[in-house]
Amino acid sequence: AAVEPREVQLAEAYCTEGCCGALHVTIHREGDQV
């Protein structure tokens, strides 16, 4: 985690992202929390 937000792909469909998608989240640090 950094102060600058960053999007991360956590998982991808068994085929490909272009076919059935993927799971993304944005991770960033806010003070004493992530």
All heavy atoms as atom14 arrays in JSON, in Angstrom:
{
  "sequence": "AAVEPREVQLAEAYCTEGCCGALHVTIHREGDQV",
  "atom14_mask": [
    [1, 1, 1, 1, 1, 0, 0, 0, 0, 0, 0, 0, 0, 0],
    [1, 1, 1, 1, 1, 0, 0, 0, 0, 0, 0, 0, 0, 0],
    [1, 1, 1, 1, 1, 1, 1, 0, 0, 0, 0, 0, 0, 0],
    [1, 1, 1, 1, 1, 1, 1, 1, 1, 0, 0, 0, 0, 0],
    [1, 1, 1, 1, 1, 1, 1, 0, 0, 0, 0, 0, 0, 0],
    [1, 1, 1, 1, 1, 1, 1, 1, 1, 1, 1, 0, 0, 0],
    [1, 1, 1, 1, 1, 1, 1, 1, 1, 0, 0, 0, 0, 0],
    [1, 1, 1, 1, 1, 1, 1, 0, 0, 0, 0, 0, 0, 0],
    [1, 1, 1, 1, 1, 1, 1, 1, 1, 0, 0, 0, 0, 0],
    [1, 1, 1, 1, 1, 1, 1, 1, 0, 0, 0, 0, 0, 0],
    [1, 1, 1, 1, 1, 0, 0, 0, 0, 0, 0, 0, 0, 0],
    [1, 1, 1, 1, 1, 1, 1, 1, 1, 0, 0, 0, 0, 0],
    [1, 1, 1, 1, 1, 0, 0, 0, 0, 0, 0, 0, 0, 0],
    [1, 1, 1, 1, 1, 1, 1, 1, 1, 1, 1, 1, 0, 0],
    [1, 1, 1, 1, 1, 1, 0, 0, 0, 0, 0, 0, 0, 0],
    [1, 1, 1, 1, 1, 1, 1, 0, 0, 0, 0, 0, 0, 0],
    [1, 1, 1, 1, 1, 1, 1, 1, 1, 0, 0, 0, 0, 0],
    [1, 1, 1, 1, 0, 0, 0, 0, 0, 0, 0, 0, 0, 0],
    [1, 1, 1, 1, 1, 1, 0, 0, 0, 0, 0, 0, 0, 0],
    [1, 1, 1, 1, 1, 1, 0, 0, 0, 0, 0, 0, 0, 0],
    [1, 1, 1, 1, 0, 0, 0, 0, 0, 0, 0, 0, 0, 0],
    [1, 1, 1, 1, 1, 0, 0, 0, 0, 0, 0, 0, 0, 0],
    [1, 1, 1, 1, 1, 1, 1, 1, 0, 0, 0, 0, 0, 0],
    [1, 1, 1, 1, 1, 1, 1, 1, 1, 1, 0, 0, 0, 0],
    [1, 1, 1, 1, 1, 1, 1, 0, 0, 0, 0, 0, 0, 0],
    [1, 1, 1, 1, 1, 1, 1, 0, 0, 0, 0, 0, 0, 0],
    [1, 1, 1, 1, 1, 1, 1, 1, 0, 0, 0, 0, 0, 0],
    [1, 1, 1, 1, 1, 1, 1, 1, 1, 1, 0, 0, 0, 0],
    [1, 1, 1, 1, 1, 1, 1, 1, 1, 1, 1, 0, 0, 0],
    [1, 1, 1, 1, 1, 1, 1, 1, 1, 0, 0, 0, 0, 0],
    [1, 1, 1, 1, 0, 0, 0, 0, 0, 0, 0, 0, 0, 0],
    [1, 1, 1, 1, 1, 1, 1, 1, 0, 0, 0, 0, 0, 0],
    [1, 1, 1, 1, 1, 1, 1, 1, 1, 0, 0, 0, 0, 0],
    [1, 1, 1, 1, 1, 1, 1, 0, 0, 0, 0, 0, 0, 0]
  ],
  "atom14_positions": [
    [[0.84, -1.2, 0.0], [0.0, 0.0, 0.0], [0.87, 1.25, 0.0], [1.84, 1.34, 0.75], [-0.92, 0.0, 1.21], [0.0, 0.0, 0.0], [0.0, 0.0, 0.0], [0.0, 0.0, 0.0], [0.0, 0.0, 0.0], [0.0, 0.0, 0.0], [0.0, 0.0, 0.0], [0.0, 0.0, 0.0], [0.0, 0.0, 0.0], [0.0, 0.0, 0.0]],
    [[0.52, 2.2, -0.85], [1.2, 3.49, -0.91], [0.16, 4.6, -0.86], [-1.04, 4.37, -1.02], [2.02, 3.59, -2.19], [0.0, 0.0, 0.0], [0.0, 0.0, 0.0], [0.0, 0.0, 0.0], [0.0, 0.0, 0.0], [0.0, 0.0, 0.0], [0.0, 0.0, 0.0], [0.0, 0.0, 0.0], [0.0, 0.0, 0.0], [0.0, 0.0, 0.0]],
    [[0.61, 5.81, -0.63], [-0.31, 6.95, -0.6], [-0.98, 7.13, -1.96], [-2.17, 7.44, -2.05], [0.44, 8.23, -0.18], [-0.48, 9.44, -0.27], [0.99, 8.08, 1.24], [0.0, 0.0, 0.0], [0.0, 0.0, 0.0], [0.0, 0.0, 0.0], [0.0, 0.0, 0.0], [0.0, 0.0, 0.0], [0.0, 0.0, 0.0], [0.0, 0.0, 0.0]],
    [[-0.21, 6.91, -3.02], [-0.77, 7.02, -4.36], [-1.65, 5.79, -4.65], [-1.17, 4.65, -4.58], [0.35, 7.09, -5.4], [-0.12, 7.3, -6.82], [-0.68, 8.69, -7.05], [-0.32, 9.61, -6.28], [-1.47, 8.85, -7.98], [0.0, 0.0, 0.0], [0.0, 0.0, 0.0], [0.0, 0.0, 0.0], [0.0, 0.0, 0.0], [0.0, 0.0, 0.0]],
    [[-2.94, 5.98, -4.93], [-3.81, 4.83, -5.2], [-3.3, 4.02, -6.4], [-2.79, 4.57, -7.37], [-5.17, 5.47, -5.51], [-5.11, 6.81, -4.87], [-3.68, 7.25, -4.97], [0.0, 0.0, 0.0], [0.0, 0.0, 0.0], [0.0, 0.0, 0.0], [0.0, 0.0, 0.0], [0.0, 0.0, 0.0], [0.0, 0.0, 0.0], [0.0, 0.0, 0.0]],
    [[-3.47, 2.71, -6.31], [-3.03, 1.83, -7.39], [-4.05, 0.73, -7.59], [-4.46, 0.06, -6.63], [-1.67, 1.22, -7.06], [-1.19, 0.21, -8.1], [0.22, -0.25, -7.81], [0.36, -0.83, -6.49], [1.52, -1.03, -5.87], [2.63, -0.64, -6.44], [1.56, -1.59, -4.68], [0.0, 0.0, 0.0], [0.0, 0.0, 0.0], [0.0, 0.0, 0.0]],
    [[-4.49, 0.53, -8.83], [-5.44, -0.54, -9.12], [-4.67, -1.84, -9.34], [-3.65, -1.87, -10.04], [-6.28, -0.22, -10.37], [-7.36, -1.26, -10.6], [-8.28, -0.94, -11.76], [-7.81, -1.02, -12.91], [-9.45, -0.6, -11.52], [0.0, 0.0, 0.0], [0.0, 0.0, 0.0], [0.0, 0.0, 0.0], [0.0, 0.0, 0.0], [0.0, 0.0, 0.0]],
    [[-5.17, -2.91, -8.74], [-4.53, -4.22, -8.81], [-5.55, -5.24, -9.27], [-6.67, -5.28, -8.78], [-3.96, -4.63, -7.43], [-3.33, -6.02, -7.51], [-2.95, -3.61, -6.94], [0.0, 0.0, 0.0], [0.0, 0.0, 0.0], [0.0, 0.0, 0.0], [0.0, 0.0, 0.0], [0.0, 0.0, 0.0], [0.0, 0.0, 0.0], [0.0, 0.0, 0.0]],
    [[-5.14, -6.06, -10.22], [-5.97, -7.19, -10.63], [-5.69, -8.36, -9.68], [-4.57, -8.85, -9.62], [-5.67, -7.6, -12.07], [-6.62, -8.69, -12.59], [-6.21, -9.2, -13.96], [-5.46, -10.17, -14.07], [-6.7, -8.54, -15.01], [0.0, 0.0, 0.0], [0.0, 0.0, 0.0], [0.0, 0.0, 0.0], [0.0, 0.0, 0.0], [0.0, 0.0, 0.0]],
    [[-6.7, -8.79, -8.92], [-6.54, -9.87, -7.95], [-6.76, -11.24, -8.56], [-6.19, -12.24, -8.08], [-7.51, -9.66, -6.78], [-7.37, -8.35, -6.01], [-8.42, -8.28, -4.91], [-5.97, -8.19, -5.43], [0.0, 0.0, 0.0], [0.0, 0.0, 0.0], [0.0, 0.0, 0.0], [0.0, 0.0, 0.0], [0.0, 0.0, 0.0], [0.0, 0.0, 0.0]],
    [[-7.6, -11.32, -9.58], [-7.92, -12.6, -10.19], [-8.4, -12.35, -11.61], [-8.9, -11.27, -11.94], [-8.98, -13.35, -9.39], [0.0, 0.0, 0.0], [0.0, 0.0, 0.0], [0.0, 0.0, 0.0], [0.0, 0.0, 0.0], [0.0, 0.0, 0.0], [0.0, 0.0, 0.0], [0.0, 0.0, 0.0], [0.0, 0.0, 0.0], [0.0, 0.0, 0.0]],
    [[-8.26, -13.37, -12.44], [-8.71, -13.3, -13.82], [-9.53, -14.55, -14.12], [-9.27, -15.62, -13.57], [-7.51, -13.22, -14.77], [-7.87, -13.07, -16.23], [-6.65, -12.99, -17.13], [-5.57, -13.48, -16.7], [-6.76, -12.44, -18.23], [0.0, 0.0, 0.0], [0.0, 0.0, 0.0], [0.0, 0.0, 0.0], [0.0, 0.0, 0.0], [0.0, 0.0, 0.0]],
    [[-10.53, -14.41, -14.98], [-11.34, -15.56, -15.35], [-10.47, -16.67, -15.92], [-9.41, -16.41, -16.51], [-12.4, -15.15, -16.37], [0.0, 0.0, 0.0], [0.0, 0.0, 0.0], [0.0, 0.0, 0.0], [0.0, 0.0, 0.0], [0.0, 0.0, 0.0], [0.0, 0.0, 0.0], [0.0, 0.0, 0.0], [0.0, 0.0, 0.0], [0.0, 0.0, 0.0]],
    [[-10.92, -17.9, -15.75], [-10.13, -19.06, -16.17], [-9.83, -19.0, -17.66], [-8.78, -19.49, -18.1], [-10.87, -20.34, -15.82], [-10.04, -21.58, -16.0], [-8.96, -21.84, -15.17], [-10.33, -22.5, -17.01], [-8.19, -22.97, -15.33], [-9.57, -23.64, -17.18], [-8.5, -23.87, -16.34], [-7.74, -24.99, -16.51], [0.0, 0.0, 0.0], [0.0, 0.0, 0.0]],
    [[-10.73, -18.39, -18.45], [-10.46, -18.23, -19.88], [-9.48, -17.08, -20.06], [-8.28, -17.28, -20.18], [-11.75, -18.0, -20.65], [-12.92, -16.88, -19.84], [0.0, 0.0, 0.0], [0.0, 0.0, 0.0], [0.0, 0.0, 0.0], [0.0, 0.0, 0.0], [0.0, 0.0, 0.0], [0.0, 0.0, 0.0], [0.0, 0.0, 0.0], [0.0, 0.0, 0.0]],
    [[-9.96, -15.84, -20.06], [-9.14, -14.64, -20.07], [-10.0, -13.49, -19.57], [-11.23, -13.59, -19.54], [-8.63, -14.27, -21.48], [-9.76, -14.02, -22.32], [-7.76, -15.35, -22.07], [0.0, 0.0, 0.0], [0.0, 0.0, 0.0], [0.0, 0.0, 0.0], [0.0, 0.0, 0.0], [0.0, 0.0, 0.0], [0.0, 0.0, 0.0], [0.0, 0.0, 0.0]],
    [[-9.38, -12.38, -19.24], [-10.16, -11.21, -18.84], [-11.03, -10.72, -19.99], [-12.17, -10.31, -19.79], [-9.23, -10.08, -18.37], [-10.0, -8.82, -17.96], [-9.12, -7.7, -17.46], [-7.88, -7.82, -17.57], [-9.66, -6.7, -16.96], [0.0, 0.0, 0.0], [0.0, 0.0, 0.0], [0.0, 0.0, 0.0], [0.0, 0.0, 0.0], [0.0, 0.0, 0.0]],
    [[-10.49, -10.78, -21.21], [-11.25, -10.31, -22.35], [-12.51, -11.12, -22.61], [-13.44, -10.62, -23.24], [0.0, 0.0, 0.0], [0.0, 0.0, 0.0], [0.0, 0.0, 0.0], [0.0, 0.0, 0.0], [0.0, 0.0, 0.0], [0.0, 0.0, 0.0], [0.0, 0.0, 0.0], [0.0, 0.0, 0.0], [0.0, 0.0, 0.0], [0.0, 0.0, 0.0]],
    [[-12.54, -12.35, -22.11], [-13.71, -13.21, -22.32], [-14.71, -13.06, -21.18], [-15.85, -12.68, -21.4], [-13.27, -14.66, -22.46], [-14.62, -15.83, -22.72], [0.0, 0.0, 0.0], [0.0, 0.0, 0.0], [0.0, 0.0, 0.0], [0.0, 0.0, 0.0], [0.0, 0.0, 0.0], [0.0, 0.0, 0.0], [0.0, 0.0, 0.0], [0.0, 0.0, 0.0]],
    [[-14.3, -13.35, -19.97], [-15.23, -13.38, -18.84], [-14.85, -12.46, -17.69], [-15.41, -12.56, -16.61], [-15.38, -14.81, -18.32], [-16.23, -15.91, -19.49], [0.0, 0.0, 0.0], [0.0, 0.0, 0.0], [0.0, 0.0, 0.0], [0.0, 0.0, 0.0], [0.0, 0.0, 0.0], [0.0, 0.0, 0.0], [0.0, 0.0, 0.0], [0.0, 0.0, 0.0]],
    [[-13.86, -11.6, -17.92], [-13.61, -10.56, -16.93], [-12.54, -10.89, -15.92], [-11.87, -11.92, -15.98], [0.0, 0.0, 0.0], [0.0, 0.0, 0.0], [0.0, 0.0, 0.0], [0.0, 0.0, 0.0], [0.0, 0.0, 0.0], [0.0, 0.0, 0.0], [0.0, 0.0, 0.0], [0.0, 0.0, 0.0], [0.0, 0.0, 0.0], [0.0, 0.0, 0.0]],
    [[-12.4, -9.99, -14.95], [-11.39, -10.12, -13.9], [-11.88, -9.34, -12.69], [-12.87, -8.6, -12.75], [-10.03, -9.59, -14.38], [0.0, 0.0, 0.0], [0.0, 0.0, 0.0], [0.0, 0.0, 0.0], [0.0, 0.0, 0.0], [0.0, 0.0, 0.0], [0.0, 0.0, 0.0], [0.0, 0.0, 0.0], [0.0, 0.0, 0.0], [0.0, 0.0, 0.0]],
    [[-11.18, -9.53, -11.56], [-11.51, -8.83, -10.33], [-10.39, -7.83, -10.04], [-9.23, -8.21, -9.89], [-11.64, -9.81, -9.17], [-11.93, -9.2, -7.79], [-13.31, -8.54, -7.77], [-11.84, -10.28, -6.7], [0.0, 0.0, 0.0], [0.0, 0.0, 0.0], [0.0, 0.0, 0.0], [0.0, 0.0, 0.0], [0.0, 0.0, 0.0], [0.0, 0.0, 0.0]],
    [[-10.76, -6.53, -9.98], [-9.79, -5.47, -9.71], [-10.2, -4.73, -8.44], [-11.38, -4.6, -8.13], [-9.74, -4.45, -10.85], [-9.27, -4.99, -12.15], [-10.1, -5.67, -13.02], [-8.04, -4.95, -12.75], [-9.42, -6.02, -14.09], [-8.17, -5.6, -13.95], [0.0, 0.0, 0.0], [0.0, 0.0, 0.0], [0.0, 0.0, 0.0], [0.0, 0.0, 0.0]],
    [[-9.19, -4.19, -7.74], [-9.43, -3.34, -6.58], [-8.38, -2.23, -6.57], [-7.26, -2.42, -7.08], [-9.38, -4.15, -5.26], [-7.96, -4.65, -4.98], [-9.89, -3.33, -4.08], [0.0, 0.0, 0.0], [0.0, 0.0, 0.0], [0.0, 0.0, 0.0], [0.0, 0.0, 0.0], [0.0, 0.0, 0.0], [0.0, 0.0, 0.0], [0.0, 0.0, 0.0]],
    [[-8.74, -1.1, -6.02], [-7.78, -0.01, -5.84], [-7.28, -0.02, -4.4], [-8.09, -0.01, -3.46], [-8.43, 1.35, -6.17], [-8.79, 1.35, -7.56], [-7.45, 2.49, -5.91], [0.0, 0.0, 0.0], [0.0, 0.0, 0.0], [0.0, 0.0, 0.0], [0.0, 0.0, 0.0], [0.0, 0.0, 0.0], [0.0, 0.0, 0.0], [0.0, 0.0, 0.0]],
    [[-5.97, -0.05, -4.23], [-5.34, -0.11, -2.9], [-4.6, 1.2, -2.65], [-3.83, 1.66, -3.51], [-4.35, -1.28, -2.82], [-5.06, -2.62, -3.09], [-3.65, -1.32, -1.46], [-4.13, -3.81, -3.16], [0.0, 0.0, 0.0], [0.0, 0.0, 0.0], [0.0, 0.0, 0.0], [0.0, 0.0, 0.0], [0.0, 0.0, 0.0], [0.0, 0.0, 0.0]],
    [[-4.84, 1.79, -1.49], [-4.04, 2.97, -1.14], [-4.03, 3.16, 0.38], [-4.82, 2.57, 1.12], [-4.55, 4.22, -1.85], [-5.83, 4.79, -1.31], [-5.9, 6.01, -0.69], [-7.08, 4.28, -1.28], [-7.15, 6.23, -0.31], [-7.88, 5.21, -0.66], [0.0, 0.0, 0.0], [0.0, 0.0, 0.0], [0.0, 0.0, 0.0], [0.0, 0.0, 0.0]],
    [[-3.11, 3.97, 0.82], [-2.89, 4.2, 2.25], [-3.5, 5.54, 2.64], [-3.29, 6.56, 1.99], [-1.39, 4.2, 2.54], [-1.01, 4.29, 4.02], [0.5, 4.3, 4.17], [1.1, 3.08, 3.65], [1.29, 1.97, 4.37], [0.91, 1.93, 5.64], [1.84, 0.91, 3.82], [0.0, 0.0, 0.0], [0.0, 0.0, 0.0], [0.0, 0.0, 0.0]],
    [[-4.28, 5.51, 3.72], [-4.86, 6.73, 4.29], [-4.45, 6.81, 5.76], [-5.07, 6.18, 6.61], [-6.39, 6.73, 4.18], [-6.92, 6.97, 2.78], [-8.44, 7.07, 2.76], [-9.07, 6.97, 3.86], [-9.01, 7.25, 1.68], [0.0, 0.0, 0.0], [0.0, 0.0, 0.0], [0.0, 0.0, 0.0], [0.0, 0.0, 0.0], [0.0, 0.0, 0.0]],
    [[-3.41, 7.56, 6.05], [-2.96, 7.67, 7.43], [-2.54, 6.33, 7.99], [-1.66, 5.66, 7.45], [0.0, 0.0, 0.0], [0.0, 0.0, 0.0], [0.0, 0.0, 0.0], [0.0, 0.0, 0.0], [0.0, 0.0, 0.0], [0.0, 0.0, 0.0], [0.0, 0.0, 0.0], [0.0, 0.0, 0.0], [0.0, 0.0, 0.0], [0.0, 0.0, 0.0]],
    [[-3.19, 5.93, 9.09], [-2.84, 4.65, 9.73], [-3.72, 3.51, 9.25], [-3.83, 2.48, 9.92], [-2.92, 4.79, 11.25], [-4.32, 5.17, 11.72], [-5.21, 5.38, 10.86], [-4.53, 5.24, 12.94], [0.0, 0.0, 0.0], [0.0, 0.0, 0.0], [0.0, 0.0, 0.0], [0.0, 0.0, 0.0], [0.0, 0.0, 0.0], [0.0, 0.0, 0.0]],
    [[-4.35, 3.68, 8.08], [-5.18, 2.62, 7.51], [-4.82, 2.37, 6.05], [-4.34, 3.26, 5.35], [-6.67, 3.0, 7.6], [-7.22, 3.01, 9.02], [-8.72, 3.2, 9.03], [-9.28, 3.92, 8.2], [-9.39, 2.55, 9.98], [0.0, 0.0, 0.0], [0.0, 0.0, 0.0], [0.0, 0.0, 0.0], [0.0, 0.0, 0.0], [0.0, 0.0, 0.0]],
    [[-5.07, 1.12, 5.63], [-4.96, 0.75, 4.22], [-6.37, 0.46, 3.72], [-7.13, -0.26, 4.4], [-4.05, -0.48, 4.01], [-4.11, -0.97, 2.57], [-2.62, -0.13, 4.4], [0.0, 0.0, 0.0], [0.0, 0.0, 0.0], [0.0, 0.0, 0.0], [0.0, 0.0, 0.0], [0.0, 0.0, 0.0], [0.0, 0.0, 0.0], [0.0, 0.0, 0.0]]
  ]
}
